[in-house]
Amino acid sequence: MKKLWFIFIFLTFSKLLLSQGFGGSPQLNKYSASKVINPTYGITMYEKLNLKTGGDSVRNDRKGYAAQEWVQDIYESGKVLHRGYYEDGQLKIYKNFYENGTVERAFKILDVKRCNMQIFYASGKLKSEIIYYNGSPQIWTDYYPNGQIEYTEENTKSMEYLVNRKSFTEDGKPQEIFEVTDVKKKKYVKKEYYESGKLKAEGPMKYNSSSIDYQKDGVWNIYDESGNITKEKWVKGEEVKN
C-alpha cells in the first residue's frame, strides 16, 4: 500500500513539474534549420500564433485540438527549435533557438497592454528589441552585431505619430535624427548627416494629420562638408523660392 501511495505521489509531482516548465514539453515536430531560419528575419514561423503582435492563427495538436500549455519543437538534429506556452492554440510566452543552442528570440507579456520581444544574432548578441502596446510596436530598436544602435523609433501609445526616430552608422556616427519639439502642435526638428558624421541639413518639420505625413515647415539650414551654410524656406512641405 505504501509503495502504491509513493508511486501516486511521484507521478503527480512529476506531472506538475512538467506543466510548469520547459523540461517536459512534448516534442511535436522536427524541422530543417535551412527551412525555418531566414538569413535576414530569423525564425518567423511562430509569429502568426502570437495574438499580442498581430497573429491570427491557431496551433492544433496531433489530435486536432487547440494546443495547450508547454509545447516544444526540435530540429532534425534533435536540438531544440521552439519552446512555448499555448492557451487555446495561441502563444503567451516563448523562445526560439538557433541550432547552436543560443536564443533566436524571446517573447513575454509585461502587463495587460504591453509585451516585449527580443531578437538575437546567432552569436547571442541582441539584434532587435520591441515593446508592443495594444498589439502595435510602440518602441523599436535595432542593433549592429557589435552592439551599437543602428535604428530606434518611438511612437505614441495611440500610434498616432512619432516621438522620435534615429539612425546611426556601425561606428556610432549619427545618420538621421528626428525628434518632437512641441507635442501639442506636433512640431519636430530633423537633422541629416554626411557619412563623416558632419551635419548635412537641419530644420523644422510638422505632422500633417490630414495627409498622415511629416512635412518640412520653416527655415532649413543646408551645410556642405566644409560647414558653409545655405538656407531654404519651406511651408507645409513645399519649398518657397525667393
C-alpha atoms as a PDB file:
ATOM      1  CA  MET A   1       0.000   0.000   0.000  1.00  0.00           C
ATOM      2  CA  LYS A   2       2.808   2.385   0.916  1.00  0.00           C
ATOM      3  CA  LYS A   3       4.502   1.557  -2.404  1.00  0.00           C
ATOM      4  CA  LEU A   4       1.361   2.392  -4.391  1.00  0.00           C
ATOM      5  CA  TRP A   5       0.980   5.681  -2.492  1.00  0.00           C
ATOM      6  CA  PHE A   6       4.613   6.575  -3.236  1.00  0.00           C
ATOM      7  CA  ILE A   7       4.095   5.889  -6.967  1.00  0.00           C
ATOM      8  CA  PHE A   8       0.961   8.061  -6.984  1.00  0.00           C
ATOM      9  CA  ILE A   9       2.776  10.961  -5.293  1.00  0.00           C
ATOM     10  CA  PHE A  10       5.753  10.628  -7.643  1.00  0.00           C
ATOM     11  CA  LEU A  11       3.591  10.672 -10.794  1.00  0.00           C
ATOM     12  CA  THR A  12       1.524  13.612  -9.559  1.00  0.00           C
ATOM     13  CA  PHE A  13       4.608  15.651  -8.667  1.00  0.00           C
ATOM     14  CA  SER A  14       6.270  14.836 -11.992  1.00  0.00           C
ATOM     15  CA  LYS A  15       3.219  15.957 -13.942  1.00  0.00           C
ATOM     16  CA  LEU A  16       3.122  19.224 -12.018  1.00  0.00           C
ATOM     17  CA  LEU A  17       6.777  19.917 -12.796  1.00  0.00           C
ATOM     18  CA  LEU A  18       6.271  19.216 -16.482  1.00  0.00           C
ATOM     19  CA  SER A  19       3.313  21.571 -16.672  1.00  0.00           C
ATOM     20  CA  GLN A  20       5.261  24.414 -15.092  1.00  0.00           C
ATOM     21  CA  GLY A  21       8.491  24.366 -17.059  1.00  0.00           C
ATOM     22  CA  PHE A  22      10.096  23.728 -20.412  1.00  0.00           C
ATOM     23  CA  GLY A  23      11.760  20.500 -19.377  1.00  0.00           C
ATOM     24  CA  GLY A  24       8.848  18.163 -20.018  1.00  0.00           C
ATOM     25  CA  SER A  25       7.281  19.830 -23.033  1.00  0.00           C
ATOM     26  CA  PRO A  26       6.438  17.266 -25.739  1.00  0.00           C
ATOM     27  CA  GLN A  27       8.416  17.242 -28.976  1.00  0.00           C
ATOM     28  CA  LEU A  28       5.763  17.601 -31.662  1.00  0.00           C
ATOM     29  CA  ASN A  29       7.549  18.418 -34.910  1.00  0.00           C
ATOM     30  CA  LYS A  30      11.004  18.260 -36.459  1.00  0.00           C
ATOM     31  CA  TYR A  31      12.293  20.933 -38.846  1.00  0.00           C
ATOM     32  CA  SER A  32      15.273  21.527 -41.080  1.00  0.00           C
ATOM     33  CA  ALA A  33      17.275  24.590 -39.985  1.00  0.00           C
ATOM     34  CA  SER A  34      17.673  25.756 -43.598  1.00  0.00           C
ATOM     35  CA  LYS A  35      13.889  25.886 -43.998  1.00  0.00           C
ATOM     36  CA  VAL A  36      12.951  27.698 -40.786  1.00  0.00           C
ATOM     37  CA  ILE A  37      15.756  30.263 -40.362  1.00  0.00           C
ATOM     38  CA  ASN A  38      15.592  33.260 -42.689  1.00  0.00           C
ATOM     39  CA  PRO A  39      19.050  34.893 -43.023  1.00  0.00           C
ATOM     40  CA  THR A  40      17.522  38.359 -42.576  1.00  0.00           C
ATOM     41  CA  TYR A  41      14.455  37.939 -40.381  1.00  0.00           C
ATOM     42  CA  GLY A  42      15.300  34.839 -38.356  1.00  0.00           C
ATOM     43  CA  ILE A  43      12.638  32.343 -37.226  1.00  0.00           C
ATOM     44  CA  THR A  44       9.282  33.936 -38.018  1.00  0.00           C
ATOM     45  CA  MET A  45       7.062  30.884 -38.472  1.00  0.00           C
ATOM     46  CA  TYR A  46       5.568  31.214 -34.969  1.00  0.00           C
ATOM     47  CA  GLU A  47       4.634  34.894 -35.191  1.00  0.00           C
ATOM     48  CA  LYS A  48       1.281  34.068 -36.774  1.00  0.00           C
ATOM     49  CA  LEU A  49       0.391  32.289 -33.498  1.00  0.00           C
ATOM     50  CA  ASN A  50       1.108  35.355 -31.348  1.00  0.00           C
ATOM     51  CA  LEU A  51      -2.120  37.317 -30.849  1.00  0.00           C
ATOM     52  CA  LYS A  52      -0.277  40.079 -28.955  1.00  0.00           C
ATOM     53  CA  THR A  53       1.783  41.032 -32.017  1.00  0.00           C
ATOM     54  CA  GLY A  54      -0.934  40.704 -34.649  1.00  0.00           C
ATOM     55  CA  GLY A  55      -1.061  36.951 -35.219  1.00  0.00           C
ATOM     56  CA  ASP A  56      -4.445  35.436 -36.034  1.00  0.00           C
ATOM     57  CA  SER A  57      -3.735  31.712 -36.410  1.00  0.00           C
ATOM     58  CA  VAL A  58      -4.218  28.788 -34.037  1.00  0.00           C
ATOM     59  CA  ARG A  59      -1.943  25.814 -33.483  1.00  0.00           C
ATOM     60  CA  ASN A  60      -3.540  22.405 -33.138  1.00  0.00           C
ATOM     61  CA  ASP A  61      -2.081  19.305 -31.518  1.00  0.00           C
ATOM     62  CA  ARG A  62      -1.883  15.936 -33.232  1.00  0.00           C
ATOM     63  CA  LYS A  63      -5.426  15.103 -32.184  1.00  0.00           C
ATOM     64  CA  GLY A  64      -6.780  18.240 -33.837  1.00  0.00           C
ATOM     65  CA  TYR A  65      -7.413  20.153 -30.625  1.00  0.00           C
ATOM     66  CA  ALA A  66      -6.062  23.647 -29.909  1.00  0.00           C
ATOM     67  CA  ALA A  67      -2.613  23.349 -28.345  1.00  0.00           C
ATOM     68  CA  GLN A  68      -2.473  23.894 -24.590  1.00  0.00           C
ATOM     69  CA  GLU A  69       0.355  24.547 -22.118  1.00  0.00           C
ATOM     70  CA  TRP A  70       4.029  23.938 -22.996  1.00  0.00           C
ATOM     71  CA  VAL A  71       4.885  22.755 -26.497  1.00  0.00           C
ATOM     72  CA  GLN A  72       8.344  22.049 -27.900  1.00  0.00           C
ATOM     73  CA  ASP A  73       9.615  21.633 -31.475  1.00  0.00           C
ATOM     74  CA  ILE A  74      13.058  20.395 -32.472  1.00  0.00           C
ATOM     75  CA  TYR A  75      15.495  20.472 -35.367  1.00  0.00           C
ATOM     76  CA  GLU A  76      16.230  17.317 -37.344  1.00  0.00           C
ATOM     77  CA  SER A  77      19.453  17.159 -35.356  1.00  0.00           C
ATOM     78  CA  GLY A  78      17.457  16.837 -32.133  1.00  0.00           C
ATOM     79  CA  LYS A  79      18.369  20.322 -30.879  1.00  0.00           C
ATOM     80  CA  VAL A  80      15.531  22.481 -29.516  1.00  0.00           C
ATOM     81  CA  LEU A  81      13.954  24.901 -32.007  1.00  0.00           C
ATOM     82  CA  HIS A  82      10.955  26.282 -30.088  1.00  0.00           C
ATOM     83  CA  ARG A  83       9.501  26.185 -26.593  1.00  0.00           C
ATOM     84  CA  GLY A  84       6.242  27.973 -25.997  1.00  0.00           C
ATOM     85  CA  TYR A  85       3.287  28.133 -23.653  1.00  0.00           C
ATOM     86  CA  TYR A  86      -0.031  27.983 -25.510  1.00  0.00           C
ATOM     87  CA  GLU A  87      -3.570  28.831 -24.482  1.00  0.00           C
ATOM     88  CA  ASP A  88      -6.279  27.733 -26.900  1.00  0.00           C
ATOM     89  CA  GLY A  89      -3.704  27.377 -29.672  1.00  0.00           C
ATOM     90  CA  GLN A  90      -2.093  30.795 -29.316  1.00  0.00           C
ATOM     91  CA  LEU A  91       1.276  31.715 -27.823  1.00  0.00           C
ATOM     92  CA  LYS A  92       1.562  33.508 -24.500  1.00  0.00           C
ATOM     93  CA  ILE A  93       5.292  33.173 -23.852  1.00  0.00           C
ATOM     94  CA  TYR A  94       8.009  31.517 -25.928  1.00  0.00           C
ATOM     95  CA  LYS A  95      11.616  31.226 -27.001  1.00  0.00           C
ATOM     96  CA  ASN A  96      13.042  30.160 -30.347  1.00  0.00           C
ATOM     97  CA  PHE A  97      16.591  28.807 -30.637  1.00  0.00           C
ATOM     98  CA  TYR A  98      19.303  28.608 -33.256  1.00  0.00           C
ATOM     99  CA  GLU A  99      20.627  25.127 -33.840  1.00  0.00           C
ATOM    100  CA  ASN A 100      23.774  26.048 -31.911  1.00  0.00           C
ATOM    101  CA  GLY A 101      21.603  26.464 -28.802  1.00  0.00           C
ATOM    102  CA  THR A 102      21.587  30.252 -28.495  1.00  0.00           C
ATOM    103  CA  VAL A 103      18.238  32.036 -28.196  1.00  0.00           C
ATOM    104  CA  GLU A 104      16.940  33.448 -31.504  1.00  0.00           C
ATOM    105  CA  ARG A 105      14.064  35.361 -29.921  1.00  0.00           C
ATOM    106  CA  ALA A 106      12.234  35.598 -26.618  1.00  0.00           C
ATOM    107  CA  PHE A 107       8.719  36.925 -26.071  1.00  0.00           C
ATOM    108  CA  LYS A 108       6.944  37.747 -22.827  1.00  0.00           C
ATOM    109  CA  ILE A 109       3.905  39.713 -21.660  1.00  0.00           C
ATOM    110  CA  LEU A 110       4.774  42.648 -19.380  1.00  0.00           C
ATOM    111  CA  ASP A 111       1.253  43.679 -18.381  1.00  0.00           C
ATOM    112  CA  VAL A 112      -2.283  43.882 -19.760  1.00  0.00           C
ATOM    113  CA  LYS A 113      -1.289  46.222 -22.621  1.00  0.00           C
ATOM    114  CA  ARG A 114       2.458  45.801 -23.054  1.00  0.00           C
ATOM    115  CA  CYS A 115       4.676  42.941 -24.186  1.00  0.00           C
ATOM    116  CA  ASN A 116       8.339  42.573 -25.060  1.00  0.00           C
ATOM    117  CA  MET A 117      10.119  40.867 -27.948  1.00  0.00           C
ATOM    118  CA  GLN A 118      13.886  40.417 -28.078  1.00  0.00           C
ATOM    119  CA  ILE A 119      15.574  39.045 -31.217  1.00  0.00           C
ATOM    120  CA  PHE A 120      19.198  37.865 -31.202  1.00  0.00           C
ATOM    121  CA  TYR A 121      22.026  37.191 -33.618  1.00  0.00           C
ATOM    122  CA  ALA A 122      23.338  33.616 -33.771  1.00  0.00           C
ATOM    123  CA  SER A 123      26.273  34.884 -31.704  1.00  0.00           C
ATOM    124  CA  GLY A 124      23.860  35.599 -28.835  1.00  0.00           C
ATOM    125  CA  LYS A 125      24.115  39.379 -29.109  1.00  0.00           C
ATOM    126  CA  LEU A 126      20.909  41.419 -29.146  1.00  0.00           C
ATOM    127  CA  LYS A 127      19.672  42.256 -32.667  1.00  0.00           C
ATOM    128  CA  SER A 128      16.318  43.928 -32.004  1.00  0.00           C
ATOM    129  CA  GLU A 129      14.104  44.807 -29.062  1.00  0.00           C
ATOM    130  CA  ILE A 130      10.461  45.773 -29.485  1.00  0.00           C
ATOM    131  CA  ILE A 131       7.916  46.964 -26.947  1.00  0.00           C
ATOM    132  CA  TYR A 132       4.371  46.369 -28.177  1.00  0.00           C
ATOM    133  CA  TYR A 133       1.465  48.393 -26.843  1.00  0.00           C
ATOM    134  CA  ASN A 134      -2.022  47.064 -27.590  1.00  0.00           C
ATOM    135  CA  GLY A 135      -0.562  44.907 -30.357  1.00  0.00           C
ATOM    136  CA  SER A 136       1.434  47.638 -32.133  1.00  0.00           C
ATOM    137  CA  PRO A 137       5.237  48.175 -31.986  1.00  0.00           C
ATOM    138  CA  GLN A 138       5.483  51.348 -29.891  1.00  0.00           C
ATOM    139  CA  ILE A 139       9.264  51.314 -29.299  1.00  0.00           C
ATOM    140  CA  TRP A 140      11.613  49.533 -31.713  1.00  0.00           C
ATOM    141  CA  THR A 141      15.412  49.387 -31.541  1.00  0.00           C
ATOM    142  CA  ASP A 142      17.781  47.546 -33.915  1.00  0.00           C
ATOM    143  CA  TYR A 143      21.427  46.842 -33.123  1.00  0.00           C
ATOM    144  CA  TYR A 144      24.527  46.117 -35.192  1.00  0.00           C
ATOM    145  CA  PRO A 145      26.442  42.892 -34.374  1.00  0.00           C
ATOM    146  CA  ASN A 146      28.957  44.992 -32.401  1.00  0.00           C
ATOM    147  CA  GLY A 147      26.191  46.203 -30.053  1.00  0.00           C
ATOM    148  CA  GLN A 148      25.924  49.728 -31.478  1.00  0.00           C
ATOM    149  CA  ILE A 149      22.392  51.038 -32.055  1.00  0.00           C
ATOM    150  CA  GLU A 150      21.531  51.013 -35.771  1.00  0.00           C
ATOM    151  CA  TYR A 151      17.983  52.358 -35.641  1.00  0.00           C
ATOM    152  CA  THR A 152      15.490  53.337 -32.968  1.00  0.00           C
ATOM    153  CA  GLU A 153      11.921  54.569 -33.215  1.00  0.00           C
ATOM    154  CA  GLU A 154       9.339  55.511 -30.616  1.00  0.00           C
ATOM    155  CA  ASN A 155       5.659  56.195 -31.262  1.00  0.00           C
ATOM    156  CA  THR A 156       2.931  57.488 -29.002  1.00  0.00           C
ATOM    157  CA  LYS A 157       0.868  54.768 -27.304  1.00  0.00           C
ATOM    158  CA  SER A 158      -2.007  55.571 -29.656  1.00  0.00           C
ATOM    159  CA  MET A 159       0.385  55.077 -32.615  1.00  0.00           C
ATOM    160  CA  GLU A 160      -0.915  58.391 -33.944  1.00  0.00           C
ATOM    161  CA  TYR A 161       2.501  59.970 -34.519  1.00  0.00           C
ATOM    162  CA  LEU A 162       6.219  59.601 -33.870  1.00  0.00           C
ATOM    163  CA  VAL A 163       8.031  60.748 -30.741  1.00  0.00           C
ATOM    164  CA  ASN A 164      11.469  60.224 -32.266  1.00  0.00           C
ATOM    165  CA  ARG A 165      13.361  58.292 -34.927  1.00  0.00           C
ATOM    166  CA  LYS A 166      17.149  57.952 -35.066  1.00  0.00           C
ATOM    167  CA  SER A 167      19.661  56.036 -37.173  1.00  0.00           C
ATOM    168  CA  PHE A 168      23.410  55.565 -36.777  1.00  0.00           C
ATOM    169  CA  THR A 169      26.401  54.079 -38.593  1.00  0.00           C
ATOM    170  CA  GLU A 170      28.094  50.974 -37.247  1.00  0.00           C
ATOM    171  CA  ASP A 171      30.766  53.078 -35.567  1.00  0.00           C
ATOM    172  CA  GLY A 172      28.190  55.250 -33.799  1.00  0.00           C
ATOM    173  CA  LYS A 173      28.029  58.304 -36.063  1.00  0.00           C
ATOM    174  CA  PRO A 174      24.526  59.779 -36.497  1.00  0.00           C
ATOM    175  CA  GLN A 175      22.824  59.411 -39.885  1.00  0.00           C
ATOM    176  CA  GLU A 176      19.441  60.967 -39.137  1.00  0.00           C
ATOM    177  CA  ILE A 177      17.831  62.407 -36.003  1.00  0.00           C
ATOM    178  CA  PHE A 178      14.108  63.181 -35.921  1.00  0.00           C
ATOM    179  CA  GLU A 179      12.593  64.371 -32.630  1.00  0.00           C
ATOM    180  CA  VAL A 180       9.425  66.042 -31.420  1.00  0.00           C
ATOM    181  CA  THR A 181       9.903  69.567 -30.017  1.00  0.00           C
ATOM    182  CA  ASP A 182       6.276  70.527 -29.361  1.00  0.00           C
ATOM    183  CA  VAL A 183       3.905  67.665 -28.578  1.00  0.00           C
ATOM    184  CA  LYS A 184       0.698  69.724 -28.694  1.00  0.00           C
ATOM    185  CA  LYS A 185       1.471  71.339 -32.056  1.00  0.00           C
ATOM    186  CA  LYS A 186       3.232  68.204 -33.327  1.00  0.00           C
ATOM    187  CA  LYS A 187       6.362  70.099 -34.325  1.00  0.00           C
ATOM    188  CA  TYR A 188       9.688  68.375 -34.913  1.00  0.00           C
ATOM    189  CA  VAL A 189      13.319  69.024 -35.728  1.00  0.00           C
ATOM    190  CA  LYS A 190      15.163  66.864 -38.232  1.00  0.00           C
ATOM    191  CA  LYS A 191      18.922  66.564 -38.694  1.00  0.00           C
ATOM    192  CA  GLU A 192      20.705  64.749 -41.523  1.00  0.00           C
ATOM    193  CA  TYR A 193      24.414  63.884 -41.559  1.00  0.00           C
ATOM    194  CA  TYR A 194      27.197  63.078 -44.003  1.00  0.00           C
ATOM    195  CA  GLU A 195      28.987  59.715 -43.739  1.00  0.00           C
ATOM    196  CA  SER A 196      31.761  61.542 -41.915  1.00  0.00           C
ATOM    197  CA  GLY A 197      29.314  62.444 -39.145  1.00  0.00           C
ATOM    198  CA  LYS A 198      29.241  66.136 -40.062  1.00  0.00           C
ATOM    199  CA  LEU A 199      25.874  67.877 -40.143  1.00  0.00           C
ATOM    200  CA  LYS A 200      24.342  67.989 -43.646  1.00  0.00           C
ATOM    201  CA  ALA A 201      20.959  69.621 -43.062  1.00  0.00           C
ATOM    202  CA  GLU A 202      18.679  70.623 -40.199  1.00  0.00           C
ATOM    203  CA  GLY A 203      15.305  72.242 -39.901  1.00  0.00           C
ATOM    204  CA  PRO A 204      11.750  72.153 -38.521  1.00  0.00           C
ATOM    205  CA  MET A 205       9.016  69.760 -39.580  1.00  0.00           C
ATOM    206  CA  LYS A 206       5.362  69.392 -38.716  1.00  0.00           C
ATOM    207  CA  TYR A 207       2.998  66.448 -38.668  1.00  0.00           C
ATOM    208  CA  ASN A 208       0.055  66.813 -41.060  1.00  0.00           C
ATOM    209  CA  SER A 209      -2.751  64.633 -39.710  1.00  0.00           C
ATOM    210  CA  SER A 210      -4.893  65.001 -42.843  1.00  0.00           C
ATOM    211  CA  SER A 211      -2.198  63.584 -45.112  1.00  0.00           C
ATOM    212  CA  ILE A 212      -0.650  61.431 -42.350  1.00  0.00           C
ATOM    213  CA  ASP A 213       2.757  62.810 -43.230  1.00  0.00           C
ATOM    214  CA  TYR A 214       5.680  64.776 -41.775  1.00  0.00           C
ATOM    215  CA  GLN A 215       6.394  67.909 -43.787  1.00  0.00           C
ATOM    216  CA  LYS A 216       9.200  70.466 -43.830  1.00  0.00           C
ATOM    217  CA  ASP A 217       7.820  73.692 -42.420  1.00  0.00           C
ATOM    218  CA  GLY A 218      10.128  76.641 -41.730  1.00  0.00           C
ATOM    219  CA  VAL A 219      13.708  77.646 -42.457  1.00  0.00           C
ATOM    220  CA  TRP A 220      16.214  74.859 -43.132  1.00  0.00           C
ATOM    221  CA  ASN A 221      19.982  75.143 -42.905  1.00  0.00           C
ATOM    222  CA  ILE A 222      21.898  73.203 -45.566  1.00  0.00           C
ATOM    223  CA  TYR A 223      25.612  72.556 -44.989  1.00  0.00           C
ATOM    224  CA  ASP A 224      28.373  71.496 -47.351  1.00  0.00           C
ATOM    225  CA  GLU A 225      31.162  69.331 -45.946  1.00  0.00           C
ATOM    226  CA  SER A 226      33.235  72.414 -45.194  1.00  0.00           C
ATOM    227  CA  GLY A 227      30.456  73.773 -42.966  1.00  0.00           C
ATOM    228  CA  ASN A 228      29.242  76.533 -45.297  1.00  0.00           C
ATOM    229  CA  ILE A 229      25.525  77.275 -44.908  1.00  0.00           C
ATOM    230  CA  THR A 230      22.741  77.928 -47.394  1.00  0.00           C
ATOM    231  CA  LYS A 231      19.126  78.393 -46.337  1.00  0.00           C
ATOM    232  CA  GLU A 232      15.848  77.062 -47.666  1.00  0.00           C
ATOM    233  CA  LYS A 233      12.331  78.084 -46.694  1.00  0.00           C
ATOM    234  CA  TRP A 234       9.539  75.537 -46.616  1.00  0.00           C
ATOM    235  CA  VAL A 235       5.792  75.825 -45.971  1.00  0.00           C
ATOM    236  CA  LYS A 236       3.724  72.667 -45.483  1.00  0.00           C
ATOM    237  CA  GLY A 237       6.141  70.539 -47.469  1.00  0.00           C
ATOM    238  CA  GLU A 238       6.562  72.988 -50.349  1.00  0.00           C
ATOM    239  CA  GLU A 239       9.789  74.938 -50.888  1.00  0.00           C
ATOM    240  CA  VAL A 240       9.297  78.699 -51.169  1.00  0.00           C
ATOM    241  CA  LYS A 241      11.582  80.233 -53.796  1.00  0.00           C
ATOM    242  CA  ASN A 242      12.812  83.794 -53.318  1.00  0.00           C
END
